[in-house]
């Protein structure tokens, strides 16, 4: 019931968007019912965030009470406040058709997104790839320290998809800025 599918939209160095879902290792944030998505979020580079709960499909009957305690999302909340699976899939396709989204939890997030679209009965019109594909080694080396810094500064305590997407987006932004700054400094020496 967790997964932070930090998905990022990548166009030739333009806009970055991070998609998320709750995951066991606190990656991008798609919430899951026994490996099923229950929440998804997108953090735009503009600072705008989108997040929605997802109503479970009728055949998604398993519920993990321990995961519910961690994420504070009940099955009842999903039915009351969540959007239908098909509607969520169509919204994602409309916004990201033909684009690549990047996730820091790709191994988990990609199958979860695929499950969402399978349950919706429509093809996914974008792709999901590992964020490491657009990071350089220097960014990877400072990722954990910068992420801790972001967490401490922002004080985000609610473990939800929108927060996780924001944390990933901000960590990516800061690591890219730091690497660029250090490279300029080295050139000017």
N, C-alpha and C. Protein backbone atom coordinates (compact mmCIF):
# COMPACT_ATOMS: atom_id res chain seq x y z
N UNK A 1 0.84 -1.18 0.00
CA UNK A 1 0.00 0.00 0.00
C UNK A 1 0.87 1.23 0.00
N UNK A 2 2.02 1.15 -0.57
CA UNK A 2 2.88 2.30 -0.61
C UNK A 2 3.75 2.18 -1.85
N UNK A 3 4.22 3.21 -2.34
CA UNK A 3 5.14 3.22 -3.45
C UNK A 3 5.20 4.62 -3.92
N UNK A 4 6.30 5.13 -3.98
CA UNK A 4 6.45 6.49 -4.41
C UNK A 4 6.91 6.46 -5.84
N UNK A 5 6.05 6.41 -6.74
CA UNK A 5 6.48 6.36 -8.13
C UNK A 5 6.77 7.77 -8.53
N UNK A 6 7.92 8.15 -8.20
CA UNK A 6 8.31 9.50 -8.55
C UNK A 6 8.44 9.46 -10.03
N UNK A 7 7.50 9.90 -10.61
CA UNK A 7 7.56 9.89 -12.05
C UNK A 7 7.83 11.30 -12.48
N UNK A 8 8.69 11.40 -13.40
CA UNK A 8 9.02 12.71 -13.88
C UNK A 8 8.79 12.75 -15.37
N UNK A 9 8.24 13.82 -15.80
CA UNK A 9 8.06 14.05 -17.23
C UNK A 9 9.36 14.64 -17.74
N UNK A 10 9.87 14.08 -18.79
CA UNK A 10 11.10 14.64 -19.34
C UNK A 10 10.91 15.00 -20.80
N UNK A 11 11.07 16.23 -21.07
CA UNK A 11 11.12 16.73 -22.43
C UNK A 11 12.46 17.44 -22.51
N UNK A 12 12.98 17.67 -23.66
CA UNK A 12 14.30 18.27 -23.80
C UNK A 12 14.59 19.38 -22.78
N UNK A 13 14.92 19.00 -21.61
CA UNK A 13 15.28 19.89 -20.51
C UNK A 13 14.25 20.98 -20.29
N UNK A 14 13.00 20.57 -20.26
CA UNK A 14 11.95 21.56 -20.05
C UNK A 14 11.33 21.30 -18.70
N UNK A 15 10.16 20.78 -18.68
CA UNK A 15 9.37 20.64 -17.49
C UNK A 15 9.55 19.27 -16.88
N UNK A 16 9.56 19.20 -15.59
CA UNK A 16 9.66 17.92 -14.90
C UNK A 16 8.44 17.73 -14.02
N UNK A 17 7.86 16.56 -14.11
CA UNK A 17 6.70 16.23 -13.28
C UNK A 17 6.99 14.90 -12.62
N UNK A 18 6.58 14.76 -11.40
CA UNK A 18 6.86 13.55 -10.64
C UNK A 18 5.55 12.89 -10.26
N UNK A 19 5.44 11.66 -10.62
CA UNK A 19 4.25 10.88 -10.35
C UNK A 19 4.55 10.02 -9.15
N UNK A 20 3.58 9.76 -8.35
CA UNK A 20 3.85 9.00 -7.15
C UNK A 20 2.75 8.06 -6.73
N UNK A 21 3.14 7.09 -5.93
CA UNK A 21 2.27 6.05 -5.39
C UNK A 21 2.88 5.46 -4.13
N UNK A 22 2.16 5.12 -3.04
CA UNK A 22 2.78 4.59 -1.83
C UNK A 22 3.37 3.19 -2.02
N UNK A 23 4.53 2.94 -1.57
CA UNK A 23 5.24 1.67 -1.77
C UNK A 23 5.99 1.28 -0.51
N UNK A 24 6.26 0.01 -0.34
CA UNK A 24 6.89 -0.48 0.89
C UNK A 24 8.20 0.21 1.24
N UNK A 25 8.96 0.63 0.28
CA UNK A 25 10.23 1.26 0.59
C UNK A 25 10.12 2.77 0.47
N UNK A 26 8.90 3.26 0.50
CA UNK A 26 8.67 4.69 0.48
C UNK A 26 9.19 5.33 -0.79
N UNK A 27 8.95 4.70 -1.88
CA UNK A 27 9.37 5.25 -3.16
C UNK A 27 8.28 6.16 -3.68
N UNK A 28 8.19 6.24 -4.96
CA UNK A 28 7.13 7.03 -5.53
C UNK A 28 5.83 6.58 -4.95
N UNK A 29 4.86 7.40 -5.08
CA UNK A 29 3.69 7.09 -4.34
C UNK A 29 2.46 6.65 -5.08
N UNK A 30 2.33 5.39 -5.20
CA UNK A 30 1.07 4.80 -5.60
C UNK A 30 0.72 3.92 -4.43
N UNK A 31 -0.44 4.09 -3.86
CA UNK A 31 -0.80 3.24 -2.75
C UNK A 31 -1.26 1.92 -3.29
N UNK A 32 -1.08 0.85 -2.56
CA UNK A 32 -1.42 -0.46 -3.12
C UNK A 32 -2.18 -1.33 -2.17
N UNK A 33 -3.13 -2.05 -2.73
CA UNK A 33 -3.88 -3.08 -2.04
C UNK A 33 -3.30 -4.38 -2.54
N UNK A 34 -2.46 -5.02 -1.76
CA UNK A 34 -1.83 -6.27 -2.20
C UNK A 34 -1.31 -6.11 -3.62
N UNK A 35 -0.46 -5.14 -3.78
CA UNK A 35 0.14 -4.82 -5.08
C UNK A 35 -0.86 -4.19 -6.04
N UNK A 36 -1.82 -3.52 -5.52
CA UNK A 36 -2.78 -2.78 -6.35
C UNK A 36 -2.70 -1.31 -5.99
N UNK A 37 -2.81 -0.41 -6.95
CA UNK A 37 -2.71 1.02 -6.65
C UNK A 37 -3.95 1.55 -5.94
N UNK A 38 -3.72 2.35 -4.88
CA UNK A 38 -4.84 2.97 -4.18
C UNK A 38 -4.71 4.49 -4.13
N UNK A 39 -3.54 5.01 -4.48
CA UNK A 39 -3.32 6.45 -4.46
C UNK A 39 -2.24 6.78 -5.49
N UNK A 40 -2.40 7.92 -6.13
CA UNK A 40 -1.39 8.35 -7.09
C UNK A 40 -1.27 9.87 -7.00
N UNK A 41 -0.05 10.36 -7.19
CA UNK A 41 0.17 11.81 -7.10
C UNK A 41 1.19 12.25 -8.13
N UNK A 42 1.08 13.49 -8.52
CA UNK A 42 2.00 14.10 -9.47
C UNK A 42 2.41 15.45 -8.89
N UNK A 43 3.72 15.69 -8.86
CA UNK A 43 4.25 16.99 -8.44
C UNK A 43 4.83 17.67 -9.68
N UNK A 44 4.28 18.80 -10.03
CA UNK A 44 4.73 19.55 -11.20
C UNK A 44 5.87 20.49 -10.81
N UNK A 45 6.71 20.81 -11.76
CA UNK A 45 7.83 21.71 -11.49
C UNK A 45 7.34 23.10 -11.08
N UNK A 46 6.12 23.43 -11.43
CA UNK A 46 5.53 24.71 -11.04
C UNK A 46 5.21 24.76 -9.55
N UNK A 47 5.29 23.61 -8.89
CA UNK A 47 4.93 23.53 -7.48
C UNK A 47 3.53 22.97 -7.28
N UNK A 48 2.76 22.95 -8.35
CA UNK A 48 1.41 22.39 -8.29
C UNK A 48 1.49 20.88 -8.07
N UNK A 49 0.55 20.36 -7.27
CA UNK A 49 0.50 18.92 -7.02
C UNK A 49 -0.89 18.39 -7.32
N UNK A 50 -0.91 17.18 -7.83
CA UNK A 50 -2.17 16.47 -8.06
C UNK A 50 -2.09 15.17 -7.28
N UNK A 51 -3.15 14.84 -6.58
CA UNK A 51 -3.18 13.58 -5.84
C UNK A 51 -4.62 13.09 -5.77
N UNK A 52 -4.79 11.80 -5.95
CA UNK A 52 -6.13 11.24 -5.79
C UNK A 52 -6.05 9.82 -5.23
N UNK A 53 -7.04 9.50 -4.47
CA UNK A 53 -7.22 8.11 -4.06
C UNK A 53 -7.87 7.39 -5.23
N UNK A 54 -7.71 6.07 -5.27
CA UNK A 54 -8.24 5.27 -6.36
C UNK A 54 -9.22 4.24 -5.79
N UNK A 55 -10.44 4.24 -6.31
CA UNK A 55 -11.41 3.23 -5.88
C UNK A 55 -10.95 1.85 -6.33
N UNK A 56 -10.96 0.87 -5.42
CA UNK A 56 -10.52 -0.48 -5.80
C UNK A 56 -11.45 -1.11 -6.84
N UNK A 57 -10.85 -1.89 -7.74
CA UNK A 57 -11.65 -2.67 -8.69
C UNK A 57 -12.41 -3.73 -7.90
N UNK A 58 -13.51 -4.21 -8.44
CA UNK A 58 -14.34 -5.18 -7.72
C UNK A 58 -13.59 -6.47 -7.39
N UNK A 59 -12.60 -6.83 -8.20
CA UNK A 59 -11.86 -8.07 -7.92
C UNK A 59 -10.62 -7.83 -7.05
N UNK A 60 -10.40 -6.60 -6.58
CA UNK A 60 -9.30 -6.33 -5.65
C UNK A 60 -9.84 -6.47 -4.24
N UNK A 61 -9.88 -7.68 -3.75
CA UNK A 61 -10.54 -7.97 -2.48
C UNK A 61 -9.61 -8.00 -1.28
N UNK A 62 -8.32 -8.21 -1.48
CA UNK A 62 -7.38 -8.28 -0.37
C UNK A 62 -7.18 -6.90 0.25
N UNK A 63 -7.08 -6.86 1.58
CA UNK A 63 -6.79 -5.61 2.27
C UNK A 63 -5.78 -5.88 3.36
N UNK A 64 -4.72 -5.07 3.41
CA UNK A 64 -3.65 -5.22 4.40
C UNK A 64 -3.88 -4.21 5.53
N UNK A 65 -4.32 -4.70 6.68
CA UNK A 65 -4.62 -3.82 7.82
C UNK A 65 -3.37 -3.12 8.35
N UNK A 66 -2.23 -3.79 8.27
CA UNK A 66 -0.98 -3.16 8.72
C UNK A 66 -0.62 -1.99 7.82
N UNK A 67 -0.78 -2.16 6.53
CA UNK A 67 -0.50 -1.07 5.59
C UNK A 67 -1.47 0.09 5.83
N UNK A 68 -2.71 -0.23 6.15
CA UNK A 68 -3.70 0.82 6.44
C UNK A 68 -3.25 1.66 7.63
N UNK A 69 -2.68 1.01 8.64
CA UNK A 69 -2.20 1.73 9.83
C UNK A 69 -1.04 2.66 9.48
N UNK A 70 -0.17 2.22 8.60
CA UNK A 70 0.99 3.03 8.19
C UNK A 70 0.55 4.25 7.40
N UNK A 71 -0.36 4.04 6.45
CA UNK A 71 -0.73 5.11 5.52
C UNK A 71 -1.97 5.89 5.92
N UNK A 72 -2.70 5.37 6.90
CA UNK A 72 -3.92 6.04 7.37
C UNK A 72 -4.92 6.25 6.24
N UNK A 73 -5.04 5.23 5.40
CA UNK A 73 -6.03 5.24 4.33
C UNK A 73 -6.88 3.98 4.50
N UNK A 74 -8.15 4.17 4.78
CA UNK A 74 -9.04 3.02 4.96
C UNK A 74 -9.70 2.64 3.64
N UNK A 75 -10.18 1.44 3.58
CA UNK A 75 -10.89 0.97 2.40
C UNK A 75 -12.12 1.85 2.15
N UNK A 76 -12.78 2.23 3.24
CA UNK A 76 -13.96 3.09 3.13
C UNK A 76 -13.61 4.43 2.49
N UNK A 77 -12.45 4.98 2.87
CA UNK A 77 -12.01 6.25 2.28
C UNK A 77 -11.85 6.12 0.77
N UNK A 78 -11.32 4.98 0.33
CA UNK A 78 -11.12 4.78 -1.10
C UNK A 78 -12.44 4.81 -1.85
N UNK A 79 -13.47 4.17 -1.28
CA UNK A 79 -14.77 4.15 -1.95
C UNK A 79 -15.45 5.51 -1.89
N UNK A 80 -15.27 6.23 -0.78
CA UNK A 80 -15.93 7.52 -0.62
C UNK A 80 -15.23 8.66 -1.38
N UNK A 81 -13.90 8.70 -1.30
CA UNK A 81 -13.16 9.84 -1.86
C UNK A 81 -12.34 9.51 -3.10
N UNK A 82 -12.19 8.24 -3.41
CA UNK A 82 -11.37 7.85 -4.56
C UNK A 82 -12.09 8.02 -5.88
N UNK A 83 -11.28 8.12 -6.93
CA UNK A 83 -11.84 8.18 -8.27
C UNK A 83 -11.84 6.79 -8.88
N UNK A 84 -12.77 6.51 -9.78
CA UNK A 84 -12.79 5.22 -10.47
C UNK A 84 -11.49 5.00 -11.25
N UNK A 85 -11.05 3.77 -11.31
CA UNK A 85 -9.80 3.40 -11.97
C UNK A 85 -9.73 3.93 -13.39
N UNK A 86 -10.79 3.73 -14.15
CA UNK A 86 -10.79 4.17 -15.55
C UNK A 86 -10.60 5.68 -15.66
N UNK A 87 -11.24 6.42 -14.78
CA UNK A 87 -11.11 7.88 -14.80
C UNK A 87 -9.67 8.31 -14.50
N UNK A 88 -9.03 7.66 -13.53
CA UNK A 88 -7.64 7.97 -13.20
C UNK A 88 -6.73 7.67 -14.39
N UNK A 89 -6.92 6.51 -15.01
CA UNK A 89 -6.09 6.11 -16.16
C UNK A 89 -6.27 7.10 -17.31
N UNK A 90 -7.49 7.52 -17.56
CA UNK A 90 -7.74 8.47 -18.65
C UNK A 90 -7.10 9.83 -18.35
N UNK A 91 -7.15 10.25 -17.09
CA UNK A 91 -6.52 11.52 -16.70
C UNK A 91 -5.01 11.46 -16.93
N UNK A 92 -4.39 10.35 -16.54
CA UNK A 92 -2.95 10.19 -16.72
C UNK A 92 -2.58 10.19 -18.20
N UNK A 93 -3.35 9.45 -19.00
CA UNK A 93 -3.10 9.42 -20.44
C UNK A 93 -3.23 10.82 -21.06
N UNK A 94 -4.24 11.54 -20.67
CA UNK A 94 -4.47 12.87 -21.23
C UNK A 94 -3.29 13.80 -20.92
N UNK A 95 -2.80 13.72 -19.71
CA UNK A 95 -1.73 14.62 -19.29
C UNK A 95 -0.34 14.20 -19.80
N UNK A 96 -0.09 12.89 -19.93
CA UNK A 96 1.27 12.42 -20.21
C UNK A 96 1.43 11.64 -21.51
N UNK A 97 0.43 11.62 -22.38
CA UNK A 97 0.51 10.85 -23.63
C UNK A 97 1.79 11.16 -24.39
N UNK A 98 2.48 10.09 -24.79
CA UNK A 98 3.70 10.23 -25.58
C UNK A 98 4.93 10.64 -24.80
N UNK A 99 4.83 10.74 -23.50
CA UNK A 99 5.94 11.20 -22.68
C UNK A 99 6.51 10.05 -21.84
N UNK A 100 7.65 10.31 -21.23
CA UNK A 100 8.25 9.34 -20.32
C UNK A 100 8.23 9.91 -18.92
N UNK A 101 7.74 9.14 -17.98
CA UNK A 101 7.74 9.51 -16.57
C UNK A 101 8.84 8.70 -15.90
N UNK A 102 9.53 9.33 -14.95
CA UNK A 102 10.65 8.67 -14.29
C UNK A 102 10.33 8.42 -12.82
N UNK A 103 10.72 7.24 -12.35
CA UNK A 103 10.41 6.82 -10.99
C UNK A 103 11.67 6.42 -10.25
N UNK A 104 11.74 6.75 -8.97
CA UNK A 104 12.87 6.29 -8.16
C UNK A 104 12.59 4.88 -7.62
N UNK A 105 11.42 4.36 -7.89
CA UNK A 105 11.04 3.01 -7.50
C UNK A 105 10.48 2.24 -8.68
N UNK A 106 11.13 2.38 -9.80
CA UNK A 106 10.64 1.86 -11.07
C UNK A 106 10.31 0.37 -11.03
N UNK A 107 11.12 -0.43 -10.38
CA UNK A 107 10.92 -1.88 -10.35
C UNK A 107 9.55 -2.21 -9.76
N UNK A 108 9.11 -1.43 -8.82
CA UNK A 108 7.80 -1.64 -8.18
C UNK A 108 6.72 -0.82 -8.87
N UNK A 109 7.04 0.41 -9.19
CA UNK A 109 6.04 1.33 -9.72
C UNK A 109 5.55 0.99 -11.11
N UNK A 110 6.44 0.55 -11.96
CA UNK A 110 6.04 0.21 -13.35
C UNK A 110 4.95 -0.87 -13.37
N UNK A 111 5.14 -1.99 -12.64
CA UNK A 111 4.06 -3.00 -12.62
C UNK A 111 2.76 -2.47 -12.01
N UNK A 112 2.88 -1.58 -11.03
CA UNK A 112 1.67 -1.03 -10.41
C UNK A 112 0.90 -0.15 -11.39
N UNK A 113 1.61 0.67 -12.13
CA UNK A 113 0.96 1.50 -13.14
C UNK A 113 0.33 0.60 -14.21
N UNK A 114 1.06 -0.44 -14.59
CA UNK A 114 0.52 -1.38 -15.59
C UNK A 114 -0.76 -2.03 -15.06
N UNK A 115 -0.78 -2.37 -13.78
CA UNK A 115 -1.98 -2.98 -13.16
C UNK A 115 -3.15 -2.01 -13.19
N UNK A 116 -2.87 -0.75 -12.95
CA UNK A 116 -3.93 0.28 -12.99
C UNK A 116 -4.56 0.32 -14.37
N UNK A 117 -3.73 0.36 -15.41
CA UNK A 117 -4.26 0.43 -16.77
C UNK A 117 -4.92 -0.88 -17.20
N UNK A 118 -4.39 -1.99 -16.75
CA UNK A 118 -5.02 -3.28 -17.04
C UNK A 118 -6.43 -3.32 -16.45
N UNK A 119 -6.54 -2.90 -15.19
CA UNK A 119 -7.85 -2.89 -14.54
C UNK A 119 -8.81 -1.90 -15.21
N UNK A 120 -8.26 -0.81 -15.74
CA UNK A 120 -9.09 0.19 -16.43
C UNK A 120 -9.52 -0.28 -17.81
N UNK A 121 -8.78 -1.26 -18.35
CA UNK A 121 -9.13 -1.78 -19.67
C UNK A 121 -8.73 -0.87 -20.82
N UNK A 122 -7.76 -0.02 -20.59
CA UNK A 122 -7.29 0.87 -21.66
C UNK A 122 -5.76 0.84 -21.71
N UNK A 123 -5.19 1.09 -22.89
CA UNK A 123 -3.72 1.07 -23.01
C UNK A 123 -3.09 2.33 -22.40
N UNK A 124 -1.94 2.15 -21.79
CA UNK A 124 -1.18 3.26 -21.25
C UNK A 124 -0.48 3.97 -22.41
N UNK A 125 -0.62 5.29 -22.48
CA UNK A 125 -0.08 6.05 -23.61
C UNK A 125 1.19 6.82 -23.27
N UNK A 126 1.85 6.44 -22.19
CA UNK A 126 3.12 7.03 -21.81
C UNK A 126 3.97 5.90 -21.26
N UNK A 127 5.24 6.18 -21.02
CA UNK A 127 6.10 5.14 -20.46
C UNK A 127 6.64 5.57 -19.10
N UNK A 128 7.09 4.59 -18.34
CA UNK A 128 7.67 4.83 -17.02
C UNK A 128 9.06 4.21 -17.02
N UNK A 129 10.05 5.00 -16.64
CA UNK A 129 11.44 4.55 -16.63
C UNK A 129 12.10 4.92 -15.30
N UNK A 130 13.23 4.28 -15.00
CA UNK A 130 13.95 4.60 -13.75
C UNK A 130 14.55 6.02 -13.81
N UNK A 131 14.46 6.73 -12.72
CA UNK A 131 15.00 8.09 -12.66
C UNK A 131 16.51 8.09 -12.87
N UNK A 132 17.14 6.98 -12.55
CA UNK A 132 18.59 6.89 -12.72
C UNK A 132 19.02 7.13 -14.17
N UNK A 133 18.11 6.93 -15.10
CA UNK A 133 18.43 7.17 -16.52
C UNK A 133 18.71 8.64 -16.82
N UNK A 134 18.19 9.53 -16.00
CA UNK A 134 18.41 10.96 -16.26
C UNK A 134 19.28 11.60 -15.19
N UNK A 135 19.87 10.80 -14.33
CA UNK A 135 20.77 11.32 -13.30
C UNK A 135 22.21 10.95 -13.67
N UNK A 136 23.13 11.81 -13.27
CA UNK A 136 24.52 11.43 -13.44
C UNK A 136 25.05 10.89 -12.11
N UNK A 137 26.26 10.39 -12.14
CA UNK A 137 26.83 9.74 -10.96
C UNK A 137 26.93 10.69 -9.77
N UNK A 138 27.27 11.94 -10.04
CA UNK A 138 27.40 12.92 -8.97
C UNK A 138 26.05 13.15 -8.27
N UNK A 139 24.97 13.16 -9.04
CA UNK A 139 23.64 13.31 -8.43
C UNK A 139 23.32 12.10 -7.56
N UNK A 140 23.63 10.93 -8.06
CA UNK A 140 23.36 9.71 -7.30
C UNK A 140 24.16 9.70 -5.99
N UNK A 141 25.40 10.20 -6.05
CA UNK A 141 26.25 10.20 -4.86
C UNK A 141 25.71 11.09 -3.75
N UNK A 142 25.07 12.19 -4.10
CA UNK A 142 24.57 13.10 -3.06
C UNK A 142 23.06 12.95 -2.79
N UNK A 143 22.39 12.04 -3.49
CA UNK A 143 20.94 11.89 -3.39
C UNK A 143 20.45 11.70 -1.95
N UNK A 144 20.99 10.72 -1.24
CA UNK A 144 20.49 10.41 0.10
C UNK A 144 20.65 11.59 1.07
N UNK A 145 21.80 12.26 1.01
CA UNK A 145 22.01 13.41 1.90
C UNK A 145 21.06 14.55 1.59
N UNK A 146 20.87 14.82 0.32
CA UNK A 146 19.96 15.91 -0.08
C UNK A 146 18.52 15.55 0.28
N UNK A 147 18.16 14.30 0.09
CA UNK A 147 16.79 13.88 0.42
C UNK A 147 16.53 14.04 1.92
N UNK A 148 17.49 13.68 2.75
CA UNK A 148 17.34 13.87 4.21
C UNK A 148 17.17 15.35 4.54
N UNK A 149 17.95 16.18 3.85
CA UNK A 149 17.86 17.62 4.04
C UNK A 149 16.45 18.13 3.69
N UNK A 150 15.93 17.68 2.57
CA UNK A 150 14.58 18.08 2.15
C UNK A 150 13.55 17.64 3.19
N UNK A 151 13.65 16.41 3.64
CA UNK A 151 12.71 15.90 4.64
C UNK A 151 12.77 16.73 5.93
N UNK A 152 13.97 17.04 6.38
CA UNK A 152 14.13 17.83 7.61
C UNK A 152 13.58 19.24 7.45
N UNK A 153 13.87 19.87 6.33
CA UNK A 153 13.41 21.24 6.09
C UNK A 153 11.90 21.34 5.97
N UNK A 154 11.31 20.41 5.25
CA UNK A 154 9.88 20.50 4.95
C UNK A 154 9.01 19.96 6.07
N UNK A 155 9.56 19.09 6.91
CA UNK A 155 8.80 18.55 8.03
C UNK A 155 7.54 17.81 7.61
N UNK A 156 7.58 17.14 6.48
CA UNK A 156 6.41 16.42 5.99
C UNK A 156 6.26 15.13 6.79
N UNK A 157 5.18 15.04 7.55
CA UNK A 157 4.99 13.86 8.40
C UNK A 157 3.93 12.91 7.84
N UNK A 158 3.00 13.42 7.08
CA UNK A 158 1.95 12.58 6.51
C UNK A 158 2.54 11.77 5.37
N UNK A 159 2.51 10.45 5.50
CA UNK A 159 3.08 9.57 4.48
C UNK A 159 2.03 9.36 3.39
N UNK A 160 2.05 10.27 2.42
CA UNK A 160 1.08 10.19 1.34
C UNK A 160 1.78 10.43 0.01
N UNK A 161 1.08 10.06 -1.05
CA UNK A 161 1.65 10.11 -2.39
C UNK A 161 2.12 11.51 -2.78
N UNK A 162 1.32 12.53 -2.49
CA UNK A 162 1.70 13.88 -2.92
C UNK A 162 2.97 14.36 -2.23
N UNK A 163 3.11 14.04 -0.95
CA UNK A 163 4.34 14.41 -0.25
C UNK A 163 5.54 13.68 -0.83
N UNK A 164 5.39 12.41 -1.07
CA UNK A 164 6.50 11.62 -1.61
C UNK A 164 6.92 12.13 -2.98
N UNK A 165 5.95 12.46 -3.82
CA UNK A 165 6.27 12.98 -5.15
C UNK A 165 7.01 14.30 -5.03
N UNK A 166 6.55 15.15 -4.13
CA UNK A 166 7.22 16.43 -3.92
C UNK A 166 8.65 16.23 -3.43
N UNK A 167 8.84 15.33 -2.49
CA UNK A 167 10.18 15.07 -1.93
C UNK A 167 11.13 14.60 -3.04
N UNK A 168 10.67 13.73 -3.88
CA UNK A 168 11.50 13.24 -4.98
C UNK A 168 11.81 14.36 -5.96
N UNK A 169 10.79 15.12 -6.31
CA UNK A 169 10.98 16.22 -7.25
C UNK A 169 11.99 17.22 -6.69
N UNK A 170 11.83 17.60 -5.45
CA UNK A 170 12.71 18.58 -4.83
C UNK A 170 14.13 18.03 -4.68
N UNK A 171 14.25 16.76 -4.34
CA UNK A 171 15.57 16.14 -4.23
C UNK A 171 16.27 16.12 -5.59
N UNK A 172 15.53 15.77 -6.63
CA UNK A 172 16.11 15.77 -7.98
C UNK A 172 16.55 17.18 -8.37
N UNK A 173 15.70 18.15 -8.13
CA UNK A 173 16.01 19.53 -8.48
C UNK A 173 17.27 20.01 -7.75
N UNK A 174 17.34 19.73 -6.46
CA UNK A 174 18.50 20.19 -5.68
C UNK A 174 19.79 19.46 -6.05
N UNK A 175 19.70 18.17 -6.30
CA UNK A 175 20.92 17.45 -6.67
C UNK A 175 21.43 17.93 -8.03
N UNK A 176 20.52 18.20 -8.96
CA UNK A 176 20.93 18.71 -10.29
C UNK A 176 21.57 20.08 -10.15
N UNK A 177 20.99 20.94 -9.32
CA UNK A 177 21.53 22.28 -9.10
C UNK A 177 22.92 22.19 -8.47
N UNK A 178 23.08 21.34 -7.45
CA UNK A 178 24.36 21.20 -6.76
C UNK A 178 25.46 20.71 -7.71
N UNK A 179 25.13 19.70 -8.50
CA UNK A 179 26.11 19.16 -9.45
C UNK A 179 26.52 20.22 -10.47
N UNK A 180 25.54 20.97 -10.95
CA UNK A 180 25.82 22.04 -11.92
C UNK A 180 26.71 23.11 -11.29
N UNK A 181 26.40 23.48 -10.07
CA UNK A 181 27.18 24.50 -9.35
C UNK A 181 28.62 24.03 -9.15
N UNK A 182 28.80 22.80 -8.73
CA UNK A 182 30.14 22.26 -8.52
C UNK A 182 30.93 22.18 -9.82
N UNK A 183 30.25 21.85 -10.91
CA UNK A 183 30.92 21.77 -12.21
C UNK A 183 31.40 23.16 -12.65
N UNK A 184 30.55 24.17 -12.46
CA UNK A 184 30.95 25.54 -12.82
C UNK A 184 32.14 26.00 -11.99
N UNK A 185 32.10 25.65 -10.71
CA UNK A 185 33.18 26.02 -9.80
C UNK A 185 34.49 25.39 -10.26
N UNK A 186 34.44 24.13 -10.66
CA UNK A 186 35.64 23.41 -11.12
C UNK A 186 36.18 24.03 -12.40
N UNK A 187 35.30 24.47 -13.29
CA UNK A 187 35.72 25.08 -14.55
C UNK A 187 36.39 26.42 -14.30
N UNK A 188 35.89 27.17 -13.34
CA UNK A 188 36.41 28.50 -13.05
C UNK A 188 37.72 28.49 -12.27
N UNK A 189 38.19 27.35 -11.88
CA UNK A 189 39.46 27.27 -11.14
C UNK A 189 40.62 27.37 -12.03
